[in-house]
Each structure stands twice: as C-alpha cells, then as structure tokens.
Protein backbone atom coordinates (compact mmCIF):
# COMPACT_ATOMS: atom_id res chain seq x y z
CA MET A 1 102.22 108.75 105.28
CA ASP A 2 104.25 111.63 104.32
CA TYR A 3 103.40 115.68 103.29
CA TYR A 4 105.81 116.85 101.00
CA GLY A 5 106.43 120.47 99.37
CA PRO A 6 108.43 123.48 99.32
CA ASN A 7 108.76 126.38 101.86
CA GLY A 8 105.55 127.64 102.08
CA ALA A 9 103.28 124.76 100.44
CA GLY A 10 101.15 123.97 103.58
CA LYS A 11 102.91 121.27 105.32
CA SER A 12 103.00 122.38 109.04
CA THR A 13 99.81 124.45 108.21
CA THR A 14 98.10 121.16 107.89
CA MET A 15 99.28 119.82 110.76
CA ASN A 16 98.80 122.64 112.99
CA MET A 17 95.44 122.13 111.95
CA ILE A 18 95.19 118.47 112.08
CA THR A 19 96.17 118.87 116.08
CA GLY A 20 93.89 121.07 116.74
CA TYR A 21 96.63 124.15 117.27
CA ILE A 22 94.89 126.08 114.76
CA GLU A 23 91.38 126.12 112.88
CA PRO A 24 90.98 125.43 109.18
CA THR A 25 89.13 128.49 107.35
CA SER A 26 87.03 126.15 105.37
CA GLY A 27 86.28 121.95 105.70
CA LYS A 28 86.89 119.61 108.97
CA ILE A 29 89.46 117.60 110.46
CA ILE A 30 87.78 114.50 111.26
CA ILE A 31 90.47 112.10 113.58
CA ASP A 32 89.22 108.30 113.66
CA ASN A 33 85.91 109.37 112.57
CA ILE A 34 85.73 111.93 115.51
CA ASP A 35 85.51 115.82 114.32
CA ILE A 36 88.07 117.95 115.99
CA ASP A 37 86.14 121.03 116.21
CA ARG A 38 83.02 119.27 117.70
CA ARG A 39 84.69 116.80 120.49
CA PRO A 40 88.53 118.40 120.64
CA LYS A 41 89.48 116.25 123.89
CA LYS A 42 88.14 112.95 122.22
CA ALA A 43 89.99 113.49 119.06
CA LYS A 44 92.73 115.15 120.31
CA LYS A 45 93.48 112.01 122.74
CA GLU A 46 94.19 109.80 119.45
CA ILE A 47 97.04 112.08 118.58
CA GLY A 48 100.60 112.21 119.58
CA TYR A 49 102.46 115.37 118.38
CA MET A 50 106.25 116.25 117.60
CA PRO A 51 106.52 119.72 116.32
CA GLU A 52 109.35 120.77 114.61
CA GLY A 53 112.46 122.63 116.50
CA VAL A 54 112.01 120.12 119.89
CA PRO A 55 110.34 122.47 122.14
CA LEU A 56 111.12 120.46 125.54
CA TYR A 57 111.43 121.42 129.36
CA THR A 58 115.02 121.73 129.24
CA ASP A 59 115.67 121.72 133.05
CA LEU A 60 113.87 118.50 133.67
CA THR A 61 115.43 115.24 133.17
CA VAL A 62 114.52 112.94 130.36
CA LYS A 63 112.07 110.61 133.11
CA GLU A 64 110.74 113.90 134.55
CA PHE A 65 109.60 115.08 131.33
CA VAL A 66 107.77 111.65 130.12
CA THR A 67 106.38 111.38 133.54
CA TYR A 68 105.05 115.11 133.05
CA MET A 69 103.36 114.69 129.57
CA ALA A 70 101.79 111.54 131.16
CA GLU A 71 100.31 113.70 133.63
CA ILE A 72 99.34 116.38 131.29
CA LYS A 73 97.46 113.99 128.77
CA LYS A 74 95.85 112.19 131.92
CA VAL A 75 97.33 108.63 132.03
CA ASP A 76 95.90 106.30 134.60
CA ARG A 77 98.14 106.50 137.70
CA LYS A 78 98.20 103.16 138.09
CA THR A 79 100.02 102.31 135.02
CA ARG A 80 101.67 105.83 134.47
CA LYS A 81 104.92 104.52 136.11
CA GLU A 82 105.10 101.34 133.72
CA LYS A 83 103.61 102.91 130.66
CA VAL A 84 106.39 105.49 131.00
CA GLU A 85 109.22 103.03 131.40
CA LYS A 86 108.07 101.32 128.39
CA ILE A 87 108.01 104.45 126.42
CA ILE A 88 111.41 105.25 127.40
CA GLU A 89 112.64 101.88 126.49
CA GLN A 90 110.95 101.82 123.28
CA THR A 91 112.50 105.46 122.19
CA GLY A 92 115.94 104.67 123.22
CA LEU A 93 116.41 106.83 125.92
CA LYS A 94 117.09 104.05 128.84
CA ASP A 95 120.73 105.03 129.50
CA VAL A 96 119.97 109.13 129.48
CA GLU A 97 116.77 108.87 131.66
CA LYS A 98 118.45 110.58 134.70
CA LYS A 99 120.26 112.99 132.62
CA LEU A 100 119.11 116.75 132.48
CA ILE A 101 117.24 117.40 128.85
CA LYS A 102 119.61 120.53 128.43
CA LYS A 103 122.63 118.07 128.35
CA LEU A 104 121.39 115.83 125.67
CA SER A 105 122.46 115.79 121.56
CA ARG A 106 120.06 117.13 119.55
CA GLY A 107 119.85 113.53 118.35
CA TYR A 108 118.58 111.99 121.81
CA LYS A 109 116.61 115.36 122.29
CA GLN A 110 114.34 114.50 119.15
CA ARG A 111 113.59 110.95 120.95
CA VAL A 112 112.38 113.24 123.87
CA SER A 113 109.76 114.97 121.99
CA MET A 114 109.09 111.57 120.58
CA ALA A 115 108.55 109.63 123.59
CA GLY A 116 106.39 112.86 125.27
CA ALA A 117 104.42 112.55 121.47
CA LEU A 118 104.03 108.45 122.20
CA VAL A 119 102.80 109.23 125.85
CA GLY A 120 99.01 108.18 125.88
CA GLU A 121 99.41 105.26 123.52
CA PRO A 122 97.89 107.63 120.63
CA LYS A 123 97.08 105.87 117.47
CA ILE A 124 98.08 108.71 115.30
CA LEU A 125 101.76 109.94 115.67
CA ILE A 126 102.24 113.47 113.81
CA LEU A 127 106.28 114.57 113.38
CA ASP A 128 106.98 117.70 111.99
CA GLU A 129 110.77 117.43 110.23
CA PRO A 130 111.88 114.77 112.89
CA THR A 131 115.39 114.91 111.28
CA VAL A 132 116.10 118.48 111.02
CA GLY A 133 119.35 119.38 112.29
CA LEU A 134 120.56 115.99 113.23
CA ASP A 135 123.74 114.57 112.00
CA PRO A 136 123.81 111.33 109.11
CA LYS A 137 123.90 108.54 112.66
CA GLN A 138 121.25 110.84 114.18
CA ILE A 139 119.16 110.57 111.28
CA THR A 140 119.55 106.74 110.61
CA GLU A 141 118.35 105.98 114.16
CA ILE A 142 115.20 108.51 114.11
CA ARG A 143 114.51 106.97 110.93
CA ASN A 144 114.39 103.15 112.17
CA LEU A 145 112.76 104.79 115.00
CA ILE A 146 109.41 105.98 113.14
CA LYS A 147 109.76 102.81 111.04
CA GLU A 148 109.46 100.44 113.96
CA LEU A 149 106.68 103.04 115.42
CA GLY A 150 104.91 102.69 112.06
CA LYS A 151 104.10 99.07 112.64
CA THR A 152 101.59 99.72 115.87
CA HIS A 153 100.84 103.64 114.84
CA THR A 154 99.29 105.39 111.74
CA ILE A 155 102.49 107.99 111.65
CA ILE A 156 102.13 111.28 109.45
CA LEU A 157 105.22 113.15 108.94
CA SER A 158 106.73 116.28 107.29
CA SER A 159 110.17 116.03 105.71
CA HIS A 160 111.89 118.43 103.43
CA ILE A 161 114.29 115.43 102.48
CA LEU A 162 112.65 113.21 99.72
CA SER A 163 115.05 110.15 100.04
CA GLU A 164 113.56 109.85 103.69
CA VAL A 165 109.94 109.98 102.51
CA SER A 166 111.30 107.29 100.15
CA GLN A 167 112.97 105.04 102.51
CA VAL A 168 110.09 105.85 105.55
CA CYS A 169 106.98 106.21 104.20
CA ASN A 170 104.83 103.88 102.24
CA ARG A 171 102.06 106.71 100.75
CA VAL A 172 103.09 110.57 99.60
CA ILE A 173 100.99 113.35 99.72
CA ILE A 174 102.57 116.41 97.63
CA ILE A 175 101.95 120.07 98.49
CA ASN A 176 102.45 123.27 96.02
CA LYS A 177 101.06 126.74 96.65
CA GLY A 178 98.49 124.93 99.63
CA LYS A 179 97.08 122.76 97.05
CA ILE A 180 97.39 118.41 96.75
CA VAL A 181 99.05 117.60 93.70
CA ALA A 182 99.43 114.25 94.00
CA ILE A 183 98.52 111.29 96.62
CA ASP A 184 100.05 108.28 95.82
CA THR A 185 103.15 105.25 96.69
CA PRO A 186 106.63 106.69 96.27
CA GLU A 187 106.87 103.73 93.80
CA ASN A 188 103.93 104.62 91.91
CA LEU A 189 105.18 108.47 91.92
CA GLU A 190 108.54 107.31 90.13
CA ASN A 191 106.81 105.22 87.61
CA LYS A 192 104.91 107.74 86.63
CA VAL A 193 107.73 109.86 85.35
CA ALA A 194 109.64 106.57 84.49
CA GLY A 195 109.00 107.04 81.29
CA SER A 196 111.45 109.73 80.26
CA ASN A 197 114.55 108.40 78.40
CA ILE A 198 117.27 110.95 79.55
CA ILE A 199 121.29 110.11 79.38
CA TYR A 200 123.60 112.03 81.55
CA ILE A 201 127.02 112.94 79.78
CA THR A 202 130.13 114.17 80.49
CA ILE A 203 132.13 115.45 77.52
CA GLU A 204 134.99 117.60 75.87
CA ASP A 205 133.72 119.70 73.40
CA PRO A 206 135.81 122.96 73.14
CA GLU A 207 133.71 123.91 69.29
CA ASN A 208 130.30 123.17 71.09
CA LYS A 209 129.51 120.32 68.23
CA ILE A 210 127.05 118.63 70.21
CA GLU A 211 124.55 121.00 69.16
CA ASN A 212 124.38 119.49 65.61
CA ILE A 213 123.71 115.77 67.46
CA LYS A 214 120.20 116.57 67.53
CA GLU A 215 120.05 116.61 63.52
CA LYS A 216 122.20 113.58 63.27
CA ILE A 217 120.51 111.46 65.69
CA GLU A 218 116.42 111.11 65.00
CA GLY A 219 114.34 111.07 68.23
CA ILE A 220 116.64 112.96 70.43
CA LYS A 221 113.78 115.74 71.93
CA LYS A 222 116.39 118.20 74.14
CA ILE A 223 120.03 118.81 74.62
CA THR A 224 120.25 120.74 78.19
CA LEU A 225 123.55 122.30 79.28
CA MET A 226 123.52 121.08 83.34
CA GLN A 227 127.16 122.28 84.11
CA GLU A 228 130.59 123.52 82.75
CA ASN A 229 133.79 121.55 85.14
CA GLU A 230 136.98 123.24 85.90
CA ASP A 231 138.70 120.95 83.60
CA LYS A 232 137.03 122.54 80.75
CA THR A 233 134.39 119.54 80.66
CA LYS A 234 130.84 119.98 80.24
CA GLN A 235 127.94 117.97 81.33
CA TYR A 236 124.69 117.91 79.41
CA SER A 237 121.04 116.03 79.63
CA ILE A 238 119.96 114.36 76.53
CA GLU A 239 116.10 113.56 76.30
CA ALA A 240 115.11 111.06 73.78
CA ASP A 241 112.08 109.42 72.68
CA GLU A 242 111.02 106.25 75.07
CA ASN A 243 111.47 103.28 71.77
CA ILE A 244 115.10 104.38 71.64
CA ASP A 245 118.42 103.71 73.34
CA LEU A 246 120.73 106.79 72.93
CA ARG A 247 123.83 105.37 74.04
CA LYS A 248 125.32 103.23 71.15
CA MET A 249 124.20 106.29 68.67
CA LEU A 250 126.03 108.72 70.58
CA PHE A 251 128.91 107.13 71.19
CA THR A 252 128.85 106.36 67.10
CA GLU A 253 128.16 110.23 66.47
CA LEU A 254 130.47 111.98 69.41
CA ALA A 255 133.61 109.90 68.11
CA LYS A 256 132.46 111.26 64.15
CA GLU A 257 132.28 114.39 65.66
CA ASN A 258 135.90 114.02 67.53
CA ILE A 259 133.85 114.76 71.04
CA THR A 260 135.30 112.91 73.86
CA ILE A 261 132.98 111.10 76.38
CA PHE A 262 134.41 111.05 79.85
CA GLU A 263 131.18 109.84 81.22
CA MET A 264 127.54 108.23 80.07
CA LYS A 265 124.94 107.32 82.19
CA LYS A 266 121.31 106.79 82.25
CA ALA A 267 119.11 108.62 84.42
CA ASP A 268 117.99 107.19 87.46
CA VAL A 269 114.30 107.88 88.15
CA THR A 270 113.89 109.13 91.76
CA LEU A 271 111.04 110.85 93.81
CA GLU A 272 112.76 114.17 93.01
CA ASP A 273 111.88 113.70 89.01
CA ALA A 274 108.40 112.59 90.23
CA PHE A 275 108.17 115.75 92.82
CA MET A 276 109.66 118.41 89.73
CA LYS A 277 107.43 117.28 87.22
CA LEU A 278 104.06 117.33 88.91
CA ILE A 279 105.08 120.97 90.70
CA GLU A 280 105.92 122.25 87.29
CA GLY A 281 102.71 120.67 86.14
CA GLY A 282 100.81 122.74 88.67
CA ASP A 283 102.56 126.04 87.77
CA LYS A 284 101.35 125.35 84.18
C-alpha cells in the first residue's frame, strides 16, 4: 500500500499517528485489531518504522546499530545474534556490517535504517519516503528490496514519485488537503481516466491556423498549447470525444492548412493523470 499526495497533504502526519509518535485529534488507530491508544506497547511491537531523513547513530558500525535496535525492541537474547545476522543478510549489508555508518553511502544508510525497522519481526513496515536522495541505481536496489519484503510483510510507504508507486505498490491511498480522495489499485486508478481521448501533437504553425481546426473536425473538445520550442515548433494537446480517432482527421486537415506535423502521439494514461484528475475534482 502507498500514501500519495502533494506536500502538506498529511502523509507523514498519518504515518506518525500510526506509529504512535503523535496522537490523532479524532478517530482511532487500530493495528492488527489492537487500539494503539489503549495498548501502545503491544501495538507498536507489530510495527517497524523507517522515518524520512534516515536518523541513525553514525558512530556505530552497521552490526552494532542493528544489534542495538534488537536490544531496544527486546528481541530474545538467546536468538538475538541469529536474528541480527539474518536481517543484515536480508537487507544486503553483509559486506559492510563492520563499517561505521557515517562512512556509508546514502543508499547503504537507507538499508541500515530499513534493517532497524525490520528488527523484532514486525508484521507491518512503515517506510516514509524510502528512496529520497538516492541515485538511480540505489533507487532500483531499494525498490527491489521493498518488493521482496512485501512478500512476508504488510508495507505502507509514502512517496512523491508516482512511477515508484506504480512499480512497487498494489494499493494506493491518495490524500489531498488532509482528506482521502481515492483508495484503489494503481491499475484501477489509471483505468478511471483511460476514457480520455487525447493526442499530443508537435507542429510548425507560424500563422496559428491550428485554432481553426476545432471548427473543422467535429468532436474536438479542447486544444491546449503545452509548450513553444526553440525551433519555433509548438506542442499541443488535443482532446476529443471518446468514439473518434483523431489521428487520420488531423493529418488530413492540417495538411490542408499547410501546417507541418513533426510528431503526433496518443497520450499514455498514467497514475499521474489519475492523480491530477482526482486532485482537480477534489479542489472543485
């Protein structure tokens, strides 16, 4: 599952309430049928939390930090060493387990933070912006780790990167201005806007004859200038009724107007499209 929303929407606040870090002003937080307000220790035992910003004790080695987290979470002393070793292996930290955390790359620090969250075998992992500040290789590695952990844990993560949501999550909650505007799978959210019939077109049109096309092709709803390029071409989005194929008609009518087509493509429906439509609908 993933929480997505613009800055200030309430993602991190929601996560802080789930973990018991702050109290909700109303309502209840129930973790695996346990009210966190009434039985905080029992509820928190089921949660592993990786906060944004990777707060770590950087003067400890990786193994010392994970062991320390195991002690804090009261992992049984008889099995503590074995479980620490397992988590270090699981998070890909074996090669750096004896290194000081302050000497690690950002990607490895993220892994150490995730290892700390995994200690104590919690049923639920809460990850706040787990890939922020990472390079593309590190992002891929962390995403793969999250997918692997998702096979044995319930994972709730917050992200500003919608492509990440599509790749990693099987259920999405979209928040806008502190309110939930959608709960669904990424696929279903994308399908909700799939009915839009939009063409992106890049043309050379010094006399702005494109404005006349709306009158000549029945079914066009809107022509929007997206950007003007340095080579004097312009990119437009053209939206039409769902039951017509704009491409053939555009080729014919633009040729009649001596408008040169450089590129034409049908809009791919993405989670970004669904998000913008939901947010705009909520604002209205």
